[in-house]
Protein backbone atom coordinates (compact mmCIF):
# COMPACT_ATOMS: atom_id res chain seq x y z
CA UNK A 1 33.90 9.95 -24.33
CA UNK A 2 35.09 10.19 -20.69
CA UNK A 3 32.82 13.26 -20.36
CA UNK A 4 29.81 10.95 -20.42
CA UNK A 5 30.80 9.73 -16.93
CA UNK A 6 28.61 12.55 -15.69
CA UNK A 7 25.60 10.54 -16.88
CA UNK A 8 26.87 7.67 -14.77
CA UNK A 9 26.87 9.97 -11.74
CA UNK A 10 23.19 10.81 -12.41
CA UNK A 11 22.22 7.15 -12.74
CA UNK A 12 23.99 6.14 -9.50
CA UNK A 13 22.63 9.11 -7.65
CA UNK A 14 19.06 8.36 -8.57
CA UNK A 15 19.51 4.63 -8.04
CA UNK A 16 20.73 5.26 -4.49
CA UNK A 17 17.87 7.76 -3.95
CA UNK A 18 20.02 10.77 -3.22
CA UNK A 19 18.83 14.32 -3.29
CA UNK A 20 18.05 15.04 -7.02
CA UNK A 21 19.29 18.69 -6.87
CA UNK A 22 22.56 17.44 -5.32
CA UNK A 23 22.90 14.67 -7.85
CA UNK A 24 22.46 16.90 -10.82
CA UNK A 25 24.78 19.56 -9.41
CA UNK A 26 27.53 17.05 -8.81
CA UNK A 27 27.00 15.50 -12.24
CA UNK A 28 27.39 18.89 -13.81
CA UNK A 29 30.57 19.62 -11.92
CA UNK A 30 32.08 16.23 -12.79
CA UNK A 31 31.14 16.67 -16.46
CA UNK A 32 32.70 20.10 -16.53
CA UNK A 33 35.88 19.07 -14.90
CA UNK A 34 36.27 15.98 -17.16
CA UNK A 35 35.71 18.36 -20.13
CA UNK A 36 38.90 20.24 -19.04
CA UNK A 37 36.97 23.29 -17.74
CA UNK A 38 38.47 25.18 -14.81
CA UNK A 39 36.39 25.52 -11.60
CA UNK A 40 35.71 29.15 -12.46
CA UNK A 41 34.40 28.17 -15.92
CA UNK A 42 32.17 25.50 -14.32
CA UNK A 43 30.75 28.09 -11.86
CA UNK A 44 30.23 30.51 -14.61
CA UNK A 45 28.41 27.93 -16.69
CA UNK A 46 26.06 27.25 -13.79
CA UNK A 47 25.35 30.96 -13.42
CA UNK A 48 24.67 31.50 -17.11
CA UNK A 49 22.33 28.43 -17.25
CA UNK A 50 20.42 29.67 -14.23
CA UNK A 51 20.12 33.17 -15.64
CA UNK A 52 18.94 31.98 -19.02
CA UNK A 53 16.34 29.59 -17.50
CA UNK A 54 15.28 31.66 -14.52
CA UNK A 55 11.58 31.44 -15.64
CA UNK A 56 11.77 27.76 -14.41
CA UNK A 57 11.92 29.03 -10.81
CA UNK A 58 8.97 31.38 -11.07
CA UNK A 59 6.84 28.89 -9.24
CA UNK A 60 8.69 29.71 -6.08
CA UNK A 61 6.88 33.03 -6.04
CA UNK A 62 3.52 31.18 -5.61
CA UNK A 63 4.66 29.20 -2.54
CA UNK A 64 3.97 31.92 0.03
CA UNK A 65 0.49 32.48 -1.48
CA UNK A 66 -0.22 28.75 -1.41
CA UNK A 67 1.00 28.54 2.21
CA UNK A 68 -1.39 31.29 3.30
CA UNK A 69 -4.33 29.73 1.50
CA UNK A 70 -3.55 26.33 3.17
CA UNK A 71 -3.30 27.98 6.53
CA UNK A 72 -6.77 29.46 6.17
CA UNK A 73 -8.39 26.27 5.17
CA UNK A 74 -7.92 25.70 1.33
CA UNK A 75 -7.42 21.95 1.71
CA UNK A 76 -10.37 21.60 4.07
CA UNK A 77 -12.63 23.49 1.65
CA UNK A 78 -11.43 21.27 -1.27
CA UNK A 79 -12.13 18.10 0.80
CA UNK A 80 -15.61 19.42 1.63
CA UNK A 81 -16.45 20.19 -1.98
CA UNK A 82 -15.36 16.81 -3.29
CA UNK A 83 -17.10 15.06 -0.40
CA UNK A 84 -20.46 16.40 -1.51
CA UNK A 85 -20.02 14.70 -4.93
CA UNK A 86 -20.61 11.10 -3.86
CA UNK A 87 -20.42 9.57 -7.33
CA UNK A 88 -16.99 11.19 -8.16
CA UNK A 89 -14.52 8.48 -7.16
CA UNK A 90 -10.76 9.05 -6.85
CA UNK A 91 -10.05 7.39 -10.23
CA UNK A 92 -12.76 9.37 -12.04
CA UNK A 93 -11.61 12.63 -10.54
CA UNK A 94 -7.95 12.10 -11.41
CA UNK A 95 -8.90 11.00 -14.96
CA UNK A 96 -10.89 14.21 -15.33
CA UNK A 97 -7.90 16.18 -14.03
CA UNK A 98 -5.62 14.30 -16.44
CA UNK A 99 -7.79 15.35 -19.34
CA UNK A 100 -7.93 19.02 -18.25
CA UNK A 101 -4.18 19.08 -17.74
CA UNK A 102 -3.56 17.70 -21.22
CA UNK A 103 -5.95 20.09 -22.93
CA UNK A 104 -4.63 23.16 -21.15
CA UNK A 105 -0.98 22.11 -21.84
CA UNK A 106 -1.95 21.52 -25.54
CA UNK A 107 -2.85 25.21 -25.85
CA UNK A 108 0.30 26.44 -24.06
CA UNK A 109 -1.11 26.82 -20.49
CA UNK A 110 1.51 24.65 -18.81
CA UNK A 111 1.95 26.91 -15.68
CA UNK A 112 -1.61 26.73 -14.34
CA UNK A 113 -0.98 23.37 -12.75
CA UNK A 114 1.99 21.56 -11.19
CA UNK A 115 2.99 19.71 -7.99
CA UNK A 116 3.46 22.95 -6.00
CA UNK A 117 0.63 25.13 -7.53
CA UNK A 118 -2.29 22.70 -7.75
CA UNK A 119 -1.51 19.09 -6.76
CA UNK A 120 -0.50 19.55 -3.18
CA UNK A 121 -2.99 22.26 -2.12
CA UNK A 122 -6.07 21.10 -4.25
CA UNK A 123 -5.82 17.94 -6.34
CA UNK A 124 -4.34 15.59 -3.75
CA UNK A 125 -6.72 16.59 -0.93
CA UNK A 126 -9.70 16.32 -3.26
CA UNK A 127 -8.61 12.83 -4.43
CA UNK A 128 -8.12 11.75 -0.82
CA UNK A 129 -11.52 13.08 0.12
CA UNK A 130 -13.14 11.04 -2.69
CA UNK A 131 -11.39 7.94 -1.37
CA UNK A 132 -12.40 8.67 2.16
CA UNK A 133 -16.05 9.19 1.15
CA UNK A 134 -15.99 5.78 -0.51
CA UNK A 135 -14.34 4.17 2.39
CA UNK A 136 -16.54 5.79 5.02
CA UNK A 137 -13.58 7.04 7.06
CA UNK A 138 -9.96 8.10 7.14
CA UNK A 139 -7.48 6.30 4.82
CA UNK A 140 -4.47 4.36 6.14
CA UNK A 141 -1.27 6.29 5.64
CA UNK A 142 -0.06 3.77 2.95
CA UNK A 143 -3.18 4.32 0.82
CA UNK A 144 -3.03 8.08 1.45
CA UNK A 145 0.51 8.27 -0.01
CA UNK A 146 -0.63 6.06 -2.94
CA UNK A 147 -3.51 8.46 -3.81
CA UNK A 148 -1.04 11.41 -3.58
CA UNK A 149 1.37 9.77 -5.88
CA UNK A 150 -1.33 9.06 -8.51
CA UNK A 151 -2.46 12.75 -8.25
CA UNK A 152 1.05 13.87 -8.92
CA UNK A 153 1.47 11.35 -11.73
CA UNK A 154 -1.74 12.54 -13.42
CA UNK A 155 -0.35 16.07 -13.44
CA UNK A 156 3.05 15.08 -14.77
CA UNK A 157 1.82 12.75 -17.56
CA UNK A 158 -0.87 15.26 -18.61
CA UNK A 159 1.56 18.14 -19.08
CA UNK A 160 4.28 15.93 -20.49
CA UNK A 161 2.25 14.53 -23.37
CA UNK A 162 0.03 17.63 -23.75
CA UNK A 163 2.66 20.35 -24.16
CA UNK A 164 4.17 18.89 -27.27
CA UNK A 165 0.86 19.48 -29.06
CA UNK A 166 1.56 23.20 -28.76
CA UNK A 167 3.76 24.35 -31.63
CA UNK A 168 5.32 27.21 -29.68
CA UNK A 169 6.61 25.15 -26.75
CA UNK A 170 10.35 25.10 -26.06
CA UNK A 171 10.91 21.44 -26.93
CA UNK A 172 9.25 21.74 -30.32
CA UNK A 173 11.26 24.86 -31.18
CA UNK A 174 14.47 23.26 -29.98
CA UNK A 175 13.96 20.15 -32.21
CA UNK A 176 13.05 22.14 -35.32
CA UNK A 177 15.90 24.59 -34.82
CA UNK A 178 18.46 21.78 -34.31
CA UNK A 179 17.22 19.69 -37.31
CA UNK A 180 16.96 22.67 -39.68
CA UNK A 181 20.44 24.00 -38.79
CA UNK A 182 22.29 20.68 -38.62
CA UNK A 183 20.76 18.53 -41.29
CA UNK A 184 19.78 21.25 -43.78
CA UNK A 185 16.15 20.27 -43.56
CA UNK A 186 12.97 22.36 -43.37
CA UNK A 187 10.89 21.14 -40.45
CA UNK A 188 7.89 23.11 -39.41
CA UNK A 189 6.79 23.24 -35.71
CA UNK A 190 3.28 22.48 -36.77
CA UNK A 191 4.36 19.13 -38.21
CA UNK A 192 5.82 17.98 -34.93
CA UNK A 193 2.90 19.26 -32.93
CA UNK A 194 0.51 17.32 -35.24
CA UNK A 195 2.52 14.13 -34.73
CA UNK A 196 2.44 14.59 -30.98
CA UNK A 197 -1.43 14.38 -30.91
CA UNK A 198 -1.62 10.54 -31.34
CA UNK A 199 0.98 10.09 -28.57
CA UNK A 200 -1.13 12.39 -26.31
CA UNK A 201 -4.31 10.44 -27.03
CA UNK A 202 -2.62 7.09 -26.37
CA UNK A 203 -1.16 8.46 -23.07
CA UNK A 204 -4.57 9.59 -21.92
CA UNK A 205 -6.26 6.24 -22.76
CA UNK A 206 -3.49 4.18 -21.09
CA UNK A 207 -3.02 6.26 -18.04
CA UNK A 208 -6.78 6.99 -17.74
CA UNK A 209 -7.40 3.24 -17.64
CA UNK A 210 -4.84 3.01 -14.83
CA UNK A 211 -6.52 5.73 -12.87
CA UNK A 212 -9.88 4.12 -13.26
CA UNK A 213 -8.40 0.83 -12.08
CA UNK A 214 -7.16 2.71 -9.05
CA UNK A 215 -10.65 2.61 -7.54
CA UNK A 216 -10.69 -1.16 -7.53
CA UNK A 217 -7.21 -1.25 -6.06
CA UNK A 218 -8.31 0.96 -3.23
CA UNK A 219 -11.37 -1.10 -2.54
CA UNK A 220 -9.29 -4.29 -2.30
CA UNK A 221 -6.59 -2.73 -0.07
CA UNK A 222 -9.21 -1.11 2.13
CA UNK A 223 -10.93 -4.48 2.59
CA UNK A 224 -7.61 -6.10 3.52
CA UNK A 225 -6.82 -3.28 5.96
CA UNK A 226 -10.24 -3.62 7.54
CA UNK A 227 -9.76 -7.39 7.90
CA UNK A 228 -6.40 -6.81 9.54
CA UNK A 229 -7.86 -4.37 11.97
CA UNK A 230 -10.61 -6.84 12.90
CA UNK A 231 -8.06 -9.53 13.53
CA UNK A 232 -6.01 -7.17 15.68
CA UNK A 233 -9.08 -6.16 17.68
CA UNK A 234 -10.12 -9.78 18.24
CA UNK A 235 -6.60 -10.73 19.30
CA UNK A 236 -6.66 -7.82 21.75
CA UNK A 237 -10.02 -8.97 23.22
CA UNK A 238 -8.65 -12.52 23.61
CA UNK A 239 -5.62 -11.27 25.40
CA UNK A 240 -7.73 -9.29 27.81
CA UNK A 241 -10.05 -12.21 28.40
CA UNK A 242 -7.04 -14.45 29.14
CA UNK A 243 -5.87 -12.01 31.72
């Protein structure tokens, strides 16, 4: 039971906003030591886990390519493209991306998107450009960060609820393998994948509604920011007149 204190380390680390990689690493070391593993065994366990799941780090290979594309104007071209589509608001664009992300994940194409591969270089700049087109100028930094967070959220939610609809995904195979071997059941991956479809539909409807509501939120916050700027400008003029 004391081994579960590693979970407490994860909770405290995330609650205090520490580096996620550091938190997970420390939690793994604590769990191993509490489980009466030697330091050498803990290190060997980390190495074996990394070697068996090295495909998770494949996205690092794409980072230099993305960096070169951004250096030569990828984000600017994305902004220009979305700026020409005046009726495509931020919320509508991210809802469309959410749908595409879910559909591609549902057929096993989980690696074609992601925060590093698509959100930062393409999706976030295009969402910002749509908001700037609507606002008629640059966004305040607070709203810019809000748009970026919603772009990342659309990607994460889309792949999270879409991938379970694919019967050959790792999570589906893990569940069926565990249930069939532990409880002497015969559970087919197709059954789990079919039951994941209603959850994916509900996730799209709920989060799609939140994304569409984002347009109204941006309008209200832009109006407030404009009013604050006007008040600041008037206050500055009065100060100059007083001098």
